[in-house]
Amino acid sequence: MATTTATFSLSSSDLLTSAPLSISTSNTLLKAGLQIGLDHVRHGVITADTTERDVIDATTAGIDKANFIYLVNKETDATLYVTVKVKTTVLGRLYAGDWMLLPCNFDDADHDISVESSSGSQVMEFAIIHEGETLTAS
């Protein structure tokens, strides 16, 4: 059994006037409804252009299974960003160096995860940690 742990830490000494901010948490990534670790991963690099491009094609994704998607924008120009969507819903923008970890339960075959560059081509790194062999990167 694989054990994969996601850890997040946020701190600032001057964001709050009352006290320093310090938040941290961790979670072991488990199969849906089980105490067994996720045991599949795909990792790679894609280029986001000004035309929307799927990172995950939900048609082949693990419907009703545990999936975690990690995306990072490797761009260095702070004015550029990549828009991240599920189907037609915008989740947000990843500016240069920004990243996200997204838990996904694909409940519909058309809930693709896609990216689109604000300008030109931007390199995106991704990892898909999942429980099923059918999940593929497009």
N, C-alpha and C. Protein backbone atom coordinates (compact mmCIF):
# COMPACT_ATOMS: atom_id res chain seq x y z
N MET A 1 0.83 -1.18 0.00
CA MET A 1 0.00 0.00 0.00
C MET A 1 0.88 1.24 0.00
N ALA A 2 0.56 2.15 -0.91
CA ALA A 2 1.28 3.42 -0.96
C ALA A 2 0.75 4.37 0.11
N THR A 3 1.63 5.18 0.64
CA THR A 3 1.22 6.23 1.58
C THR A 3 1.68 7.56 1.01
N THR A 4 0.72 8.41 0.70
CA THR A 4 1.00 9.74 0.16
C THR A 4 0.36 10.75 1.09
N THR A 5 1.15 11.68 1.58
CA THR A 5 0.66 12.69 2.51
C THR A 5 0.83 14.07 1.90
N ALA A 6 -0.25 14.85 1.89
CA ALA A 6 -0.21 16.24 1.45
C ALA A 6 -0.10 17.12 2.69
N THR A 7 0.82 18.07 2.68
CA THR A 7 1.03 18.97 3.80
C THR A 7 0.96 20.41 3.33
N PHE A 8 0.26 21.24 4.08
CA PHE A 8 0.10 22.65 3.74
C PHE A 8 0.46 23.48 4.95
N SER A 9 1.21 24.56 4.71
CA SER A 9 1.61 25.46 5.79
C SER A 9 1.49 26.89 5.30
N LEU A 10 0.91 27.75 6.12
CA LEU A 10 0.75 29.17 5.81
C LEU A 10 1.16 29.97 7.03
N SER A 11 2.08 30.91 6.84
CA SER A 11 2.51 31.72 7.97
C SER A 11 2.84 33.14 7.53
N SER A 12 2.65 34.07 8.46
CA SER A 12 3.00 35.46 8.23
C SER A 12 3.21 36.13 9.58
N SER A 13 4.26 36.90 9.69
CA SER A 13 4.52 37.61 10.94
C SER A 13 3.83 38.96 10.98
N ASP A 14 3.34 39.46 9.82
CA ASP A 14 2.76 40.80 9.81
C ASP A 14 1.42 40.94 9.08
N LEU A 15 0.79 39.85 8.73
CA LEU A 15 -0.51 39.92 8.06
C LEU A 15 -1.60 40.35 9.04
N LEU A 16 -1.58 39.80 10.23
CA LEU A 16 -2.53 40.14 11.28
C LEU A 16 -1.88 41.11 12.26
N THR A 17 -2.65 42.08 12.75
CA THR A 17 -2.09 43.03 13.72
C THR A 17 -2.08 42.46 15.13
N SER A 18 -2.94 41.47 15.40
CA SER A 18 -3.06 40.94 16.76
C SER A 18 -2.01 39.89 17.11
N ALA A 19 -1.56 39.12 16.13
CA ALA A 19 -0.61 38.04 16.40
C ALA A 19 -0.11 37.48 15.06
N PRO A 20 1.01 36.79 15.09
CA PRO A 20 1.47 36.15 13.85
C PRO A 20 0.46 35.09 13.39
N LEU A 21 0.39 34.88 12.11
CA LEU A 21 -0.47 33.85 11.53
C LEU A 21 0.35 32.59 11.32
N SER A 22 -0.18 31.48 11.77
CA SER A 22 0.50 30.20 11.57
C SER A 22 -0.56 29.10 11.46
N ILE A 23 -0.72 28.58 10.24
CA ILE A 23 -1.70 27.53 9.97
C ILE A 23 -0.97 26.39 9.27
N SER A 24 -1.21 25.18 9.71
CA SER A 24 -0.66 24.04 8.99
C SER A 24 -1.59 22.84 9.17
N THR A 25 -1.58 21.99 8.15
CA THR A 25 -2.40 20.79 8.19
C THR A 25 -1.77 19.74 7.28
N SER A 26 -2.15 18.51 7.49
CA SER A 26 -1.69 17.44 6.59
C SER A 26 -2.81 16.41 6.47
N ASN A 27 -2.76 15.66 5.39
CA ASN A 27 -3.78 14.67 5.11
C ASN A 27 -3.17 13.53 4.32
N THR A 28 -3.46 12.30 4.73
CA THR A 28 -3.06 11.14 3.95
C THR A 28 -4.09 10.93 2.87
N LEU A 29 -3.65 10.80 1.61
CA LEU A 29 -4.55 10.66 0.48
C LEU A 29 -4.99 9.20 0.37
N LEU A 30 -6.28 8.98 0.59
CA LEU A 30 -6.84 7.64 0.66
C LEU A 30 -7.83 7.37 -0.46
N LYS A 31 -8.03 6.09 -0.77
CA LYS A 31 -9.06 5.68 -1.72
C LYS A 31 -10.43 6.02 -1.13
N ALA A 32 -11.40 6.27 -2.01
CA ALA A 32 -12.74 6.68 -1.58
C ALA A 32 -13.35 5.67 -0.62
N GLY A 33 -13.70 6.12 0.58
CA GLY A 33 -14.38 5.28 1.56
C GLY A 33 -13.54 4.22 2.21
N LEU A 34 -12.23 4.24 1.99
CA LEU A 34 -11.35 3.20 2.54
C LEU A 34 -10.20 3.81 3.32
N GLN A 35 -9.54 2.99 4.08
CA GLN A 35 -8.33 3.41 4.79
C GLN A 35 -7.10 2.88 4.07
N ILE A 36 -7.16 2.86 2.75
CA ILE A 36 -6.07 2.37 1.90
C ILE A 36 -5.56 3.53 1.06
N GLY A 37 -4.26 3.71 1.02
CA GLY A 37 -3.68 4.83 0.30
C GLY A 37 -3.86 4.75 -1.21
N LEU A 38 -3.92 5.92 -1.84
CA LEU A 38 -3.95 5.98 -3.30
C LEU A 38 -2.66 5.39 -3.85
N ASP A 39 -2.77 4.62 -4.93
CA ASP A 39 -1.60 3.87 -5.38
C ASP A 39 -1.25 4.05 -6.85
N HIS A 40 -1.76 5.12 -7.48
CA HIS A 40 -1.41 5.42 -8.86
C HIS A 40 -1.07 6.90 -8.99
N VAL A 41 -0.12 7.20 -9.85
CA VAL A 41 0.23 8.61 -10.09
C VAL A 41 0.67 8.78 -11.54
N ARG A 42 0.29 9.90 -12.10
CA ARG A 42 0.82 10.33 -13.40
C ARG A 42 1.38 11.72 -13.17
N HIS A 43 2.53 11.97 -13.74
CA HIS A 43 3.23 13.24 -13.53
C HIS A 43 3.76 13.69 -14.87
N GLY A 44 3.69 14.97 -15.14
CA GLY A 44 4.21 15.44 -16.41
C GLY A 44 4.17 16.94 -16.54
N VAL A 45 4.43 17.38 -17.75
CA VAL A 45 4.47 18.80 -18.07
C VAL A 45 3.60 19.01 -19.31
N ILE A 46 2.79 20.05 -19.29
CA ILE A 46 2.00 20.42 -20.46
C ILE A 46 2.22 21.90 -20.73
N THR A 47 1.86 22.33 -21.91
CA THR A 47 1.93 23.75 -22.26
C THR A 47 0.51 24.29 -22.36
N ALA A 48 0.23 25.33 -21.58
CA ALA A 48 -1.07 26.00 -21.66
C ALA A 48 -0.95 27.12 -22.68
N ASP A 49 -1.86 27.13 -23.65
CA ASP A 49 -1.89 28.16 -24.67
C ASP A 49 -3.15 28.99 -24.50
N THR A 50 -3.37 29.93 -25.42
CA THR A 50 -4.56 30.78 -25.33
C THR A 50 -5.83 30.05 -25.78
N THR A 51 -5.70 28.80 -26.16
CA THR A 51 -6.85 27.95 -26.44
C THR A 51 -6.99 26.96 -25.29
N GLU A 52 -8.21 26.81 -24.78
CA GLU A 52 -8.44 25.91 -23.65
C GLU A 52 -7.95 24.50 -23.96
N ARG A 53 -7.26 23.89 -22.98
CA ARG A 53 -6.71 22.55 -23.15
C ARG A 53 -7.00 21.70 -21.92
N ASP A 54 -7.46 20.47 -22.14
CA ASP A 54 -7.74 19.57 -21.02
C ASP A 54 -6.45 19.06 -20.39
N VAL A 55 -6.41 19.11 -19.07
CA VAL A 55 -5.36 18.44 -18.31
C VAL A 55 -5.86 17.05 -17.96
N ILE A 56 -7.14 16.96 -17.59
CA ILE A 56 -7.79 15.70 -17.27
C ILE A 56 -9.05 15.57 -18.12
N ASP A 57 -9.18 14.46 -18.81
CA ASP A 57 -10.38 14.14 -19.56
C ASP A 57 -11.24 13.26 -18.66
N ALA A 58 -12.34 13.82 -18.17
CA ALA A 58 -13.19 13.11 -17.20
C ALA A 58 -13.87 11.88 -17.79
N THR A 59 -13.91 11.76 -19.11
CA THR A 59 -14.50 10.58 -19.73
C THR A 59 -13.77 9.32 -19.30
N THR A 60 -12.45 9.43 -19.15
CA THR A 60 -11.65 8.27 -18.77
C THR A 60 -11.24 8.31 -17.30
N ALA A 61 -11.72 9.33 -16.58
CA ALA A 61 -11.34 9.48 -15.17
C ALA A 61 -12.09 8.48 -14.30
N GLY A 62 -11.63 8.36 -13.10
CA GLY A 62 -12.24 7.44 -12.15
C GLY A 62 -13.48 8.05 -11.51
N ILE A 63 -14.65 7.82 -12.11
CA ILE A 63 -15.89 8.36 -11.58
C ILE A 63 -16.17 7.72 -10.22
N ASP A 64 -16.51 8.58 -9.25
CA ASP A 64 -16.77 8.18 -7.86
C ASP A 64 -15.57 7.50 -7.21
N LYS A 65 -14.39 7.92 -7.61
CA LYS A 65 -13.15 7.46 -6.98
C LYS A 65 -12.39 8.68 -6.47
N ALA A 66 -11.43 8.45 -5.61
CA ALA A 66 -10.61 9.54 -5.09
C ALA A 66 -9.54 9.92 -6.10
N ASN A 67 -9.44 11.20 -6.39
CA ASN A 67 -8.44 11.74 -7.30
C ASN A 67 -7.95 13.06 -6.72
N PHE A 68 -6.67 13.31 -6.78
CA PHE A 68 -6.11 14.60 -6.38
C PHE A 68 -5.27 15.11 -7.54
N ILE A 69 -5.50 16.36 -7.93
CA ILE A 69 -4.80 16.98 -9.04
C ILE A 69 -3.92 18.09 -8.49
N TYR A 70 -2.64 18.03 -8.79
CA TYR A 70 -1.68 19.08 -8.43
C TYR A 70 -1.30 19.80 -9.72
N LEU A 71 -1.43 21.12 -9.73
CA LEU A 71 -1.03 21.95 -10.87
C LEU A 71 -0.14 23.07 -10.38
N VAL A 72 0.91 23.38 -11.14
CA VAL A 72 1.76 24.53 -10.82
C VAL A 72 2.10 25.24 -12.13
N ASN A 73 2.02 26.56 -12.10
CA ASN A 73 2.39 27.38 -13.25
C ASN A 73 3.89 27.69 -13.14
N LYS A 74 4.68 27.18 -14.07
CA LYS A 74 6.13 27.34 -14.02
C LYS A 74 6.61 28.66 -14.66
N GLU A 75 5.66 29.49 -15.09
CA GLU A 75 5.98 30.78 -15.69
C GLU A 75 6.75 31.66 -14.70
N THR A 76 7.60 32.56 -15.20
CA THR A 76 8.35 33.47 -14.33
C THR A 76 7.87 34.92 -14.44
N ASP A 77 7.10 35.24 -15.47
CA ASP A 77 6.56 36.59 -15.64
C ASP A 77 5.32 36.73 -14.76
N ALA A 78 5.40 37.55 -13.72
CA ALA A 78 4.33 37.67 -12.72
C ALA A 78 3.03 38.25 -13.28
N THR A 79 3.05 38.83 -14.47
CA THR A 79 1.84 39.40 -15.04
C THR A 79 1.01 38.35 -15.79
N LEU A 80 1.57 37.19 -16.06
CA LEU A 80 0.87 36.16 -16.81
C LEU A 80 0.21 35.16 -15.87
N TYR A 81 -0.88 34.58 -16.32
CA TYR A 81 -1.59 33.59 -15.52
C TYR A 81 -2.24 32.55 -16.42
N VAL A 82 -2.64 31.45 -15.79
CA VAL A 82 -3.38 30.39 -16.45
C VAL A 82 -4.71 30.26 -15.72
N THR A 83 -5.81 30.24 -16.47
CA THR A 83 -7.13 30.04 -15.89
C THR A 83 -7.40 28.54 -15.81
N VAL A 84 -7.85 28.08 -14.64
CA VAL A 84 -8.15 26.66 -14.42
C VAL A 84 -9.67 26.52 -14.32
N LYS A 85 -10.21 25.55 -15.08
CA LYS A 85 -11.66 25.34 -15.12
C LYS A 85 -12.00 23.87 -14.89
N VAL A 86 -13.19 23.64 -14.34
CA VAL A 86 -13.83 22.33 -14.37
C VAL A 86 -15.09 22.53 -15.20
N LYS A 87 -15.15 21.81 -16.32
CA LYS A 87 -16.22 21.98 -17.30
C LYS A 87 -16.20 23.44 -17.74
N THR A 88 -17.21 24.23 -17.41
CA THR A 88 -17.22 25.66 -17.78
C THR A 88 -17.03 26.56 -16.56
N THR A 89 -16.88 25.98 -15.39
CA THR A 89 -16.74 26.77 -14.16
C THR A 89 -15.27 27.11 -13.91
N VAL A 90 -15.00 28.41 -13.81
CA VAL A 90 -13.64 28.87 -13.52
C VAL A 90 -13.35 28.67 -12.03
N LEU A 91 -12.27 27.91 -11.74
CA LEU A 91 -11.84 27.71 -10.36
C LEU A 91 -10.96 28.86 -9.89
N GLY A 92 -10.18 29.40 -10.81
CA GLY A 92 -9.30 30.50 -10.46
C GLY A 92 -8.16 30.64 -11.44
N ARG A 93 -7.24 31.53 -11.09
CA ARG A 93 -6.06 31.79 -11.91
C ARG A 93 -4.81 31.38 -11.14
N LEU A 94 -3.89 30.77 -11.86
CA LEU A 94 -2.57 30.46 -11.31
C LEU A 94 -1.57 31.39 -11.98
N TYR A 95 -1.07 32.36 -11.22
CA TYR A 95 -0.04 33.27 -11.72
C TYR A 95 1.32 32.57 -11.62
N ALA A 96 2.35 33.22 -12.11
CA ALA A 96 3.70 32.64 -12.11
C ALA A 96 4.05 32.07 -10.74
N GLY A 97 4.38 30.79 -10.71
CA GLY A 97 4.77 30.13 -9.47
C GLY A 97 3.62 29.65 -8.60
N ASP A 98 2.39 30.06 -8.91
CA ASP A 98 1.24 29.62 -8.11
C ASP A 98 0.94 28.14 -8.37
N TRP A 99 0.33 27.50 -7.38
CA TRP A 99 0.01 26.08 -7.49
C TRP A 99 -1.33 25.81 -6.80
N MET A 100 -1.87 24.64 -7.06
CA MET A 100 -3.10 24.21 -6.39
C MET A 100 -3.10 22.69 -6.25
N LEU A 101 -3.76 22.23 -5.20
CA LEU A 101 -4.03 20.81 -5.00
C LEU A 101 -5.54 20.69 -4.93
N LEU A 102 -6.10 19.95 -5.85
CA LEU A 102 -7.55 19.90 -6.00
C LEU A 102 -8.05 18.47 -5.83
N PRO A 103 -8.90 18.22 -4.80
CA PRO A 103 -9.52 16.90 -4.71
C PRO A 103 -10.64 16.82 -5.74
N CYS A 104 -10.73 15.73 -6.45
CA CYS A 104 -11.73 15.60 -7.51
C CYS A 104 -12.46 14.27 -7.40
N ASN A 105 -13.76 14.34 -7.45
CA ASN A 105 -14.60 13.16 -7.59
C ASN A 105 -15.37 13.38 -8.87
N PHE A 106 -14.89 12.83 -9.96
CA PHE A 106 -15.52 13.05 -11.25
C PHE A 106 -16.87 12.35 -11.25
N ASP A 107 -17.95 13.14 -11.13
CA ASP A 107 -19.29 12.55 -11.08
C ASP A 107 -19.98 12.60 -12.43
N ASP A 108 -19.29 13.11 -13.43
CA ASP A 108 -19.87 13.22 -14.76
C ASP A 108 -18.74 13.16 -15.78
N ALA A 109 -18.98 12.50 -16.89
CA ALA A 109 -17.94 12.30 -17.89
C ALA A 109 -17.55 13.58 -18.62
N ASP A 110 -18.29 14.68 -18.42
CA ASP A 110 -17.91 15.93 -19.09
C ASP A 110 -17.33 16.98 -18.14
N HIS A 111 -16.92 16.56 -16.96
CA HIS A 111 -16.31 17.47 -15.99
C HIS A 111 -14.78 17.48 -16.14
N ASP A 112 -14.33 17.78 -17.36
CA ASP A 112 -12.90 17.86 -17.63
C ASP A 112 -12.26 19.00 -16.83
N ILE A 113 -10.99 18.85 -16.51
CA ILE A 113 -10.21 19.93 -15.91
C ILE A 113 -9.33 20.50 -17.01
N SER A 114 -9.47 21.81 -17.24
CA SER A 114 -8.75 22.42 -18.35
C SER A 114 -8.00 23.67 -17.89
N VAL A 115 -7.04 24.08 -18.72
CA VAL A 115 -6.26 25.29 -18.48
C VAL A 115 -6.23 26.12 -19.75
N GLU A 116 -6.09 27.43 -19.56
CA GLU A 116 -5.99 28.35 -20.70
C GLU A 116 -5.09 29.51 -20.29
N SER A 117 -4.11 29.82 -21.12
CA SER A 117 -3.13 30.87 -20.84
C SER A 117 -3.71 32.25 -21.11
N SER A 118 -3.33 33.22 -20.29
CA SER A 118 -3.75 34.61 -20.51
C SER A 118 -3.04 35.21 -21.72
N SER A 119 -1.85 34.71 -22.02
CA SER A 119 -1.07 35.23 -23.14
C SER A 119 0.06 34.25 -23.47
N GLY A 120 0.18 33.92 -24.73
CA GLY A 120 1.27 33.05 -25.16
C GLY A 120 1.20 31.66 -24.56
N SER A 121 2.34 31.00 -24.49
CA SER A 121 2.44 29.64 -23.96
C SER A 121 3.08 29.67 -22.58
N GLN A 122 2.50 28.91 -21.65
CA GLN A 122 3.03 28.81 -20.30
C GLN A 122 3.17 27.33 -19.93
N VAL A 123 4.28 26.99 -19.34
CA VAL A 123 4.55 25.61 -18.95
C VAL A 123 3.86 25.33 -17.61
N MET A 124 3.12 24.22 -17.59
CA MET A 124 2.42 23.77 -16.39
C MET A 124 2.94 22.39 -16.03
N GLU A 125 3.23 22.20 -14.76
CA GLU A 125 3.58 20.87 -14.26
C GLU A 125 2.34 20.31 -13.58
N PHE A 126 2.10 19.00 -13.71
CA PHE A 126 0.94 18.41 -13.09
C PHE A 126 1.29 17.05 -12.49
N ALA A 127 0.50 16.67 -11.50
CA ALA A 127 0.54 15.32 -10.95
C ALA A 127 -0.90 14.93 -10.66
N ILE A 128 -1.23 13.71 -11.00
CA ILE A 128 -2.55 13.18 -10.75
C ILE A 128 -2.35 11.95 -9.86
N ILE A 129 -2.79 12.07 -8.62
CA ILE A 129 -2.69 10.96 -7.68
C ILE A 129 -4.09 10.37 -7.60
N HIS A 130 -4.23 9.08 -7.92
CA HIS A 130 -5.57 8.52 -8.08
C HIS A 130 -5.60 7.05 -7.69
N GLU A 131 -6.80 6.47 -7.73
CA GLU A 131 -6.94 5.08 -7.32
C GLU A 131 -7.28 4.13 -8.45
N GLY A 132 -7.43 4.61 -9.66
CA GLY A 132 -7.84 3.73 -10.73
C GLY A 132 -6.95 3.81 -11.95
N GLU A 133 -6.82 2.73 -12.67
CA GLU A 133 -5.99 2.67 -13.87
C GLU A 133 -6.55 3.46 -15.03
N THR A 134 -7.84 3.80 -15.00
CA THR A 134 -8.45 4.43 -16.16
C THR A 134 -8.23 5.94 -16.22
N LEU A 135 -7.70 6.56 -15.17
CA LEU A 135 -7.48 8.00 -15.17
C LEU A 135 -6.28 8.32 -16.03
N THR A 136 -6.43 9.19 -17.00
CA THR A 136 -5.33 9.54 -17.91
C THR A 136 -5.23 11.04 -18.07
N ALA A 137 -4.05 11.50 -18.39
CA ALA A 137 -3.84 12.91 -18.72
C ALA A 137 -4.06 13.06 -20.22
N SER A 138 -4.69 14.14 -20.61
CA SER A 138 -4.94 14.32 -22.04
C SER A 138 -3.85 15.13 -22.69
